[in-house]
């Protein structure tokens, strides 16, 4: 009796390539879930980082404002016709009413729309057709100097004397028509422009360069000679 050979074939085991494909297929199926899980896990850390960054920005801004406010000058223009000693001197002044020193920048004075460039030009324009002549009045620098908190700079002063009486009377009325604006900066280079006696200062990036500048004209600080 002849035996019939067994022709059944046992299937081959999975090859490494098949296993890798299977694993890759599973990973692809779960990749969106893995990505979402990573995002959910990292979201609180991201929010915390953004919150810390915002807090640091706000704190730095507040510190800067406190620093600026703690050294902020506040310069105002003023005029009077008498001092604490009872002298009847008409004066034009700049006073620092702030809490920090002020670096005075340019100043512009106009009378009836016309730019005033010197003290002698001022009295000639407002008060006398013949010029100041032998009138004696004092001036001081109003630009490029530092003014302490509470300090007043008297940049024009005309005393009342028999020789100045006529001009004094006119100047006493006309001084209210002066349009005065000045620019000043803090020690941190923050700058402001103030106009008139009651105007609030307006912040500017830097002092204007296109004003018609008023200057002391130191050569004629004590009047009696014509402006050169």
Protein backbone atom coordinates (compact mmCIF):
# COMPACT_ATOMS: atom_id res chain seq x y z
CA UNK A 1 0.00 0.00 0.00
CA UNK A 2 1.47 3.31 -1.07
CA UNK A 3 1.37 6.34 1.28
CA UNK A 4 0.03 9.60 -0.07
CA UNK A 5 2.33 12.45 0.86
CA UNK A 6 0.86 15.23 3.06
CA UNK A 7 0.70 18.31 0.90
CA UNK A 8 -0.62 20.73 3.58
CA UNK A 9 1.69 23.82 3.88
CA UNK A 10 2.12 25.65 7.16
CA UNK A 11 1.83 29.49 6.65
CA UNK A 12 5.06 31.39 7.08
CA UNK A 13 5.45 33.55 10.22
CA UNK A 14 5.11 37.40 9.90
CA UNK A 15 8.22 39.02 8.53
CA UNK A 16 9.84 42.05 10.25
CA UNK A 17 8.58 44.27 7.45
CA UNK A 18 5.00 43.18 8.11
CA UNK A 19 5.41 43.91 11.81
CA UNK A 20 6.82 47.38 11.10
CA UNK A 21 3.97 48.16 8.75
CA UNK A 22 1.47 47.05 11.33
CA UNK A 23 3.03 49.23 14.05
CA UNK A 24 3.24 52.19 11.69
CA UNK A 25 -0.38 51.79 10.75
CA UNK A 26 -1.41 51.80 14.39
CA UNK A 27 0.69 54.88 15.10
CA UNK A 28 -0.90 56.73 12.22
CA UNK A 29 -4.33 55.87 13.58
CA UNK A 30 -3.44 57.18 17.05
CA UNK A 31 -1.29 60.14 15.94
CA UNK A 32 -4.13 62.72 16.11
CA UNK A 33 -5.01 61.55 19.61
CA UNK A 34 -1.35 61.72 20.66
CA UNK A 35 -1.03 65.24 19.23
CA UNK A 36 -4.16 66.40 21.03
CA UNK A 37 -2.92 64.86 24.26
CA UNK A 38 0.42 66.68 23.97
CA UNK A 39 -1.40 69.95 23.27
CA UNK A 40 -3.73 69.50 26.24
CA UNK A 41 -0.80 68.67 28.52
CA UNK A 42 1.27 71.65 27.28
CA UNK A 43 -1.61 74.17 27.23
CA UNK A 44 -1.47 75.06 30.95
CA UNK A 45 2.28 75.63 30.70
CA UNK A 46 1.75 77.88 27.66
CA UNK A 47 -0.95 79.86 29.46
CA UNK A 48 1.27 80.21 32.53
CA UNK A 49 4.18 81.42 30.39
CA UNK A 50 2.01 84.02 28.64
CA UNK A 51 0.61 85.16 31.97
CA UNK A 52 4.10 85.57 33.42
CA UNK A 53 5.24 87.49 30.35
CA UNK A 54 2.24 89.82 30.57
CA UNK A 55 2.79 90.33 34.29
CA UNK A 56 6.45 91.17 33.70
CA UNK A 57 5.46 93.69 30.97
CA UNK A 58 2.85 95.36 33.19
CA UNK A 59 5.26 95.48 36.12
CA UNK A 60 8.02 97.00 33.97
CA UNK A 61 5.59 99.59 32.57
CA UNK A 62 4.37 100.48 36.06
CA UNK A 63 7.95 100.77 37.32
CA UNK A 64 8.85 103.06 34.43
CA UNK A 65 5.80 105.26 35.08
CA UNK A 66 6.62 105.45 38.78
CA UNK A 67 10.22 106.33 37.95
CA UNK A 68 9.12 109.01 35.48
CA UNK A 69 6.42 110.36 37.79
CA UNK A 70 8.86 110.54 40.68
CA UNK A 71 11.11 112.86 38.68
CA UNK A 72 8.54 114.70 36.56
CA UNK A 73 9.00 118.47 36.31
CA UNK A 74 6.07 120.83 35.70
CA UNK A 75 7.15 124.21 34.37
CA UNK A 76 4.66 127.09 34.20
CA UNK A 77 4.91 130.67 32.98
CA UNK A 78 3.94 133.48 35.32
CA UNK A 79 4.00 137.26 35.60
CA UNK A 80 3.62 139.68 38.49
CA UNK A 81 4.16 143.36 39.32
CA UNK A 82 5.43 142.98 42.87
CA UNK A 83 7.69 140.74 44.93
CA UNK A 84 7.73 139.48 48.51
CA UNK A 85 9.82 142.45 49.60
CA UNK A 86 7.24 144.93 48.37
CA UNK A 87 9.22 146.04 45.32
CA UNK A 88 7.05 146.96 42.35
CA UNK A 89 8.97 145.03 39.73
CA UNK A 90 7.18 143.62 36.70
CA UNK A 91 8.58 140.16 36.13
CA UNK A 92 8.19 137.34 33.66
CA UNK A 93 9.01 133.98 35.23
CA UNK A 94 9.25 130.25 34.66
CA UNK A 95 8.59 128.12 37.75
CA UNK A 96 9.14 124.41 38.21
CA UNK A 97 6.14 123.17 40.21
CA UNK A 98 7.01 119.51 39.67
CA UNK A 99 8.86 116.95 41.77
CA UNK A 100 11.96 116.59 39.60
CA UNK A 101 14.48 118.96 38.01
CA UNK A 102 13.61 120.54 34.66
CA UNK A 103 16.04 121.14 31.81
CA UNK A 104 14.70 124.25 30.09
CA UNK A 105 14.60 124.09 26.32
CA UNK A 106 13.51 126.74 23.82
CA UNK A 107 11.05 129.48 24.72
CA UNK A 108 8.91 131.48 22.30
CA UNK A 109 7.25 134.81 23.12
CA UNK A 110 4.77 136.56 20.84
CA UNK A 111 3.14 139.94 21.23
CA UNK A 112 0.14 140.69 19.02
CA UNK A 113 1.20 137.78 16.81
CA UNK A 114 4.75 139.04 16.33
CA UNK A 115 7.70 136.99 17.53
CA UNK A 116 9.81 138.60 20.25
CA UNK A 117 13.48 137.67 20.08
CA UNK A 118 15.15 139.72 22.88
CA UNK A 119 14.16 141.67 26.02
CA UNK A 120 14.86 144.96 24.26
CA UNK A 121 12.73 143.81 21.33
CA UNK A 122 9.95 143.06 23.85
CA UNK A 123 9.87 146.54 25.43
CA UNK A 124 10.24 148.21 22.04
CA UNK A 125 7.30 146.26 20.60
CA UNK A 126 4.91 146.76 23.49
CA UNK A 127 5.77 149.84 25.38
CA UNK A 128 7.88 152.52 23.74
CA UNK A 129 8.34 153.73 20.19
CA UNK A 130 11.74 155.25 20.99
CA UNK A 131 13.25 152.02 22.31
CA UNK A 132 14.29 151.34 25.90
CA UNK A 133 17.02 153.96 25.69
CA UNK A 134 18.56 154.38 29.14
CA UNK A 135 15.99 152.21 30.90
CA UNK A 136 17.56 149.71 33.25
CA UNK A 137 16.01 146.27 33.55
CA UNK A 138 17.43 142.88 34.29
CA UNK A 139 17.23 139.57 32.48
CA UNK A 140 18.47 136.02 33.03
CA UNK A 141 18.85 132.94 30.81
CA UNK A 142 15.66 131.02 30.10
CA UNK A 143 17.08 128.24 27.91
CA UNK A 144 19.56 125.44 28.49
CA UNK A 145 19.56 125.60 32.28
CA UNK A 146 18.38 123.24 35.01
CA UNK A 147 15.62 124.39 37.37
CA UNK A 148 15.18 122.64 40.71
CA UNK A 149 11.71 121.69 42.00
CA UNK A 150 10.12 124.80 43.46
CA UNK A 151 12.65 127.14 41.84
CA UNK A 152 11.60 130.20 39.84
CA UNK A 153 13.60 131.74 37.00
CA UNK A 154 12.89 135.46 36.55
CA UNK A 155 13.95 135.99 32.96
CA UNK A 156 12.74 139.61 32.65
CA UNK A 157 12.40 142.13 35.46
CA UNK A 158 11.50 145.83 35.07
CA UNK A 159 11.62 147.81 38.35
CA UNK A 160 9.29 150.74 38.93
CA UNK A 161 11.35 153.92 39.18
CA UNK A 162 10.82 157.52 38.09
CA UNK A 163 12.85 156.79 34.95
CA UNK A 164 10.77 153.71 34.05
CA UNK A 165 7.36 154.94 35.22
CA UNK A 166 5.87 155.56 31.76
CA UNK A 167 7.11 152.28 30.27
CA UNK A 168 6.26 150.45 33.50
CA UNK A 169 2.63 151.57 33.33
CA UNK A 170 2.29 150.42 29.72
CA UNK A 171 4.12 147.13 30.30
CA UNK A 172 1.92 146.46 33.33
CA UNK A 173 -1.10 146.33 31.00
CA UNK A 174 0.45 144.86 27.88
CA UNK A 175 2.16 141.90 29.61
CA UNK A 176 -1.18 140.08 29.70
CA UNK A 177 -1.18 140.04 25.89
CA UNK A 178 2.03 138.03 25.72
CA UNK A 179 1.76 134.54 24.29
CA UNK A 180 4.45 132.44 25.93
CA UNK A 181 5.24 128.81 25.34
CA UNK A 182 8.23 126.84 26.50
CA UNK A 183 9.64 123.35 26.20
CA UNK A 184 11.41 121.48 28.97
CA UNK A 185 12.68 117.96 29.64
CA UNK A 186 13.22 115.69 32.64
CA UNK A 187 16.49 113.98 33.52
CA UNK A 188 15.12 110.92 31.69
CA UNK A 189 14.76 112.94 28.45
CA UNK A 190 10.96 113.00 28.61
CA UNK A 191 9.88 116.36 27.20
CA UNK A 192 6.81 118.58 27.42
CA UNK A 193 5.53 121.82 25.92
CA UNK A 194 3.54 124.26 28.02
CA UNK A 195 1.61 127.27 26.73
CA UNK A 196 0.36 130.23 28.72
CA UNK A 197 -0.05 130.35 32.48
CA UNK A 198 -2.74 127.75 33.08
CA UNK A 199 -2.21 125.22 30.28
CA UNK A 200 -1.36 121.64 31.11
CA UNK A 201 1.91 120.42 29.61
CA UNK A 202 1.74 118.40 26.40
CA UNK A 203 4.15 115.49 26.04
CA UNK A 204 6.41 115.60 22.95
CA UNK A 205 9.15 113.32 21.63
CA UNK A 206 11.62 116.21 21.64
CA UNK A 207 11.57 119.97 21.86
CA UNK A 208 10.46 121.74 18.64
CA UNK A 209 13.16 123.14 16.41
CA UNK A 210 10.95 125.49 14.37
CA UNK A 211 10.06 128.08 17.01
CA UNK A 212 11.01 131.76 16.75
CA UNK A 213 13.36 131.66 19.70
CA UNK A 214 13.46 134.24 22.45
CA UNK A 215 16.99 134.79 23.74
CA UNK A 216 18.32 136.68 26.71
CA UNK A 217 20.71 138.83 24.66
CA UNK A 218 23.25 138.84 27.49
CA UNK A 219 25.24 141.68 25.90
CA UNK A 220 22.35 143.95 26.79
CA UNK A 221 21.32 142.42 30.12
CA UNK A 222 21.36 145.91 31.56
CA UNK A 223 19.58 147.97 28.94
CA UNK A 224 20.91 151.24 27.68
CA UNK A 225 22.34 150.15 24.35
CA UNK A 226 20.58 149.07 21.22
CA UNK A 227 20.40 145.38 20.41
CA UNK A 228 23.24 144.35 18.17
